[in-house]
Amino acid sequence: MNIALWVAAGLLATVAFSGGAAIAWGRFPA
Protein backbone atom coordinates (compact mmCIF):
# COMPACT_ATOMS: atom_id res chain seq x y z
CA MET A 1 0.00 0.00 0.00
CA ASN A 2 1.00 3.62 -0.30
CA ILE A 3 3.28 4.81 2.49
CA ALA A 4 1.68 8.28 2.51
CA LEU A 5 -1.69 6.65 3.13
CA TRP A 6 -0.34 4.80 6.17
CA VAL A 7 1.31 7.97 7.49
CA ALA A 8 -1.88 10.01 7.06
CA ALA A 9 -4.01 7.30 8.69
CA GLY A 10 -1.60 6.97 11.61
CA LEU A 11 -1.42 10.72 12.14
CA LEU A 12 -5.22 11.04 12.02
CA ALA A 13 -5.62 8.18 14.48
CA THR A 14 -3.03 9.71 16.82
CA VAL A 15 -4.72 13.13 16.75
CA ALA A 16 -8.16 11.59 17.28
CA PHE A 17 -6.93 9.42 20.17
CA SER A 18 -5.04 12.23 21.91
CA GLY A 19 -8.02 14.56 21.44
CA GLY A 20 -10.44 11.99 22.84
CA ALA A 21 -8.11 11.30 25.77
CA ALA A 22 -7.81 15.03 26.52
CA ILE A 23 -11.60 15.40 26.46
CA ALA A 24 -12.04 12.35 28.69
CA TRP A 25 -9.36 13.66 31.09
CA GLY A 26 -11.01 17.09 31.25
CA ARG A 27 -14.43 15.53 31.79
CA PHE A 28 -13.32 12.93 34.31
CA PRO A 29 -10.21 14.20 36.10
CA ALA A 30 -8.39 11.51 38.05
PDB file of N, CA and C in Angstrom:
ATOM      1  N   MET A   1       0.844  -1.196   0.000  1.00  0.00           N
ATOM      2  CA  MET A   1       0.000   0.000   0.000  1.00  0.00           C
ATOM      3  C   MET A   1       0.881   1.249   0.000  1.00  0.00           C
ATOM      4  N   ASN A   2       0.233   2.376  -0.242  1.00  0.00           N
ATOM      5  CA  ASN A   2       1.001   3.620  -0.305  1.00  0.00           C
ATOM      6  C   ASN A   2       1.458   4.046   1.095  1.00  0.00           C
ATOM      7  N   ILE A   3       2.729   4.411   1.192  1.00  0.00           N
ATOM      8  CA  ILE A   3       3.280   4.809   2.493  1.00  0.00           C
ATOM      9  C   ILE A   3       2.579   6.068   3.008  1.00  0.00           C
ATOM     10  N   ALA A   4       2.325   7.021   2.101  1.00  0.00           N
ATOM     11  CA  ALA A   4       1.685   8.279   2.508  1.00  0.00           C
ATOM     12  C   ALA A   4       0.313   8.014   3.123  1.00  0.00           C
ATOM     13  N   LEU A   5      -0.368   6.983   2.601  1.00  0.00           N
ATOM     14  CA  LEU A   5      -1.694   6.648   3.133  1.00  0.00           C
ATOM     15  C   LEU A   5      -1.569   6.160   4.573  1.00  0.00           C
ATOM     16  N   TRP A   6      -0.562   5.312   4.822  1.00  0.00           N
ATOM     17  CA  TRP A   6      -0.338   4.801   6.173  1.00  0.00           C
ATOM     18  C   TRP A   6       0.031   5.933   7.129  1.00  0.00           C
ATOM     19  N   VAL A   7       0.882   6.853   6.646  1.00  0.00           N
ATOM     20  CA  VAL A   7       1.309   7.972   7.492  1.00  0.00           C
ATOM     21  C   VAL A   7       0.111   8.849   7.836  1.00  0.00           C
ATOM     22  N   ALA A   8      -0.712   9.157   6.825  1.00  0.00           N
ATOM     23  CA  ALA A   8      -1.878  10.011   7.058  1.00  0.00           C
ATOM     24  C   ALA A   8      -2.854   9.334   8.014  1.00  0.00           C
ATOM     25  N   ALA A   9      -3.082   8.028   7.821  1.00  0.00           N
ATOM     26  CA  ALA A   9      -4.014   7.297   8.687  1.00  0.00           C
ATOM     27  C   ALA A   9      -3.488   7.257  10.121  1.00  0.00           C
ATOM     28  N   GLY A  10      -2.199   7.024  10.278  1.00  0.00           N
ATOM     29  CA  GLY A  10      -1.604   6.970  11.606  1.00  0.00           C
ATOM     30  C   GLY A  10      -1.670   8.322  12.305  1.00  0.00           C
ATOM     31  N   LEU A  11      -1.392   9.377  11.552  1.00  0.00           N
ATOM     32  CA  LEU A  11      -1.423  10.720  12.136  1.00  0.00           C
ATOM     33  C   LEU A  11      -2.843  11.065  12.555  1.00  0.00           C
ATOM     34  N   LEU A  12      -3.815  10.757  11.700  1.00  0.00           N
ATOM     35  CA  LEU A  12      -5.216  11.045  12.020  1.00  0.00           C
ATOM     36  C   LEU A  12      -5.651  10.270  13.256  1.00  0.00           C
ATOM     37  N   ALA A  13      -5.243   9.000  13.334  1.00  0.00           N
ATOM     38  CA  ALA A  13      -5.615   8.180  14.484  1.00  0.00           C
ATOM     39  C   ALA A  13      -4.971   8.718  15.759  1.00  0.00           C
ATOM     40  N   THR A  14      -3.732   9.175  15.650  1.00  0.00           N
ATOM     41  CA  THR A  14      -3.033   9.706  16.820  1.00  0.00           C
ATOM     42  C   THR A  14      -3.710  10.974  17.319  1.00  0.00           C
ATOM     43  N   VAL A  15      -4.060  11.871  16.377  1.00  0.00           N
ATOM     44  CA  VAL A  15      -4.719  13.127  16.755  1.00  0.00           C
ATOM     45  C   VAL A  15      -6.085  12.842  17.379  1.00  0.00           C
ATOM     46  N   ALA A  16      -6.828  11.909  16.767  1.00  0.00           N
ATOM     47  CA  ALA A  16      -8.160  11.591  17.281  1.00  0.00           C
ATOM     48  C   ALA A  16      -8.060  10.973  18.675  1.00  0.00           C
ATOM     49  N   PHE A  17      -7.081  10.080  18.872  1.00  0.00           N
ATOM     50  CA  PHE A  17      -6.926   9.422  20.166  1.00  0.00           C
ATOM     51  C   PHE A  17      -6.497  10.415  21.250  1.00  0.00           C
ATOM     52  N   SER A  18      -5.524  11.265  20.925  1.00  0.00           N
ATOM     53  CA  SER A  18      -5.045  12.229  21.913  1.00  0.00           C
ATOM     54  C   SER A  18      -6.137  13.246  22.233  1.00  0.00           C
ATOM     55  N   GLY A  19      -6.922  13.621  21.211  1.00  0.00           N
ATOM     56  CA  GLY A  19      -8.020  14.562  21.436  1.00  0.00           C
ATOM     57  C   GLY A  19      -9.084  13.941  22.330  1.00  0.00           C
ATOM     58  N   GLY A  20      -9.436  12.678  22.036  1.00  0.00           N
ATOM     59  CA  GLY A  20     -10.440  11.990  22.839  1.00  0.00           C
ATOM     60  C   GLY A  20      -9.955  11.804  24.268  1.00  0.00           C
ATOM     61  N   ALA A  21      -8.669  11.495  24.436  1.00  0.00           N
ATOM     62  CA  ALA A  21      -8.110  11.297  25.773  1.00  0.00           C
ATOM     63  C   ALA A  21      -8.126  12.616  26.547  1.00  0.00           C
ATOM     64  N   ALA A  22      -7.818  13.719  25.859  1.00  0.00           N
ATOM     65  CA  ALA A  22      -7.809  15.031  26.516  1.00  0.00           C
ATOM     66  C   ALA A  22      -9.224  15.400  26.962  1.00  0.00           C
ATOM     67  N   ILE A  23     -10.211  15.111  26.113  1.00  0.00           N
ATOM     68  CA  ILE A  23     -11.604  15.405  26.462  1.00  0.00           C
ATOM     69  C   ILE A  23     -12.032  14.548  27.654  1.00  0.00           C
ATOM     70  N   ALA A  24     -11.676  13.256  27.600  1.00  0.00           N
ATOM     71  CA  ALA A  24     -12.043  12.353  28.687  1.00  0.00           C
ATOM     72  C   ALA A  24     -11.357  12.792  29.989  1.00  0.00           C
ATOM     73  N   TRP A  25     -10.099  13.233  29.906  1.00  0.00           N
ATOM     74  CA  TRP A  25      -9.356  13.656  31.094  1.00  0.00           C
ATOM     75  C   TRP A  25      -9.973  14.917  31.681  1.00  0.00           C
ATOM     76  N   GLY A  26     -10.398  15.852  30.784  1.00  0.00           N
ATOM     77  CA  GLY A  26     -11.006  17.088  31.252  1.00  0.00           C
ATOM     78  C   GLY A  26     -12.387  16.833  31.859  1.00  0.00           C
ATOM     79  N   ARG A  27     -13.084  15.840  31.319  1.00  0.00           N
ATOM     80  CA  ARG A  27     -14.429  15.534  31.789  1.00  0.00           C
ATOM     81  C   ARG A  27     -14.390  14.715  33.075  1.00  0.00           C
ATOM     82  N   PHE A  28     -13.424  13.787  33.138  1.00  0.00           N
ATOM     83  CA  PHE A  28     -13.322  12.925  34.314  1.00  0.00           C
ATOM     84  C   PHE A  28     -11.898  12.992  34.872  1.00  0.00           C
ATOM     85  N   PRO A  29     -11.577  14.068  35.565  1.00  0.00           N
ATOM     86  CA  PRO A  29     -10.206  14.204  36.103  1.00  0.00           C
ATOM     87  C   PRO A  29      -9.933  13.143  37.168  1.00  0.00           C
ATOM     88  N   ALA A  30      -8.730  12.575  37.100  1.00  0.00           N
ATOM     89  CA  ALA A  30      -8.391  11.506  38.045  1.00  0.00           C
ATOM     90  C   ALA A  30      -8.078  12.107  39.421  1.00  0.00           C
TER      91      ALA A  30
END
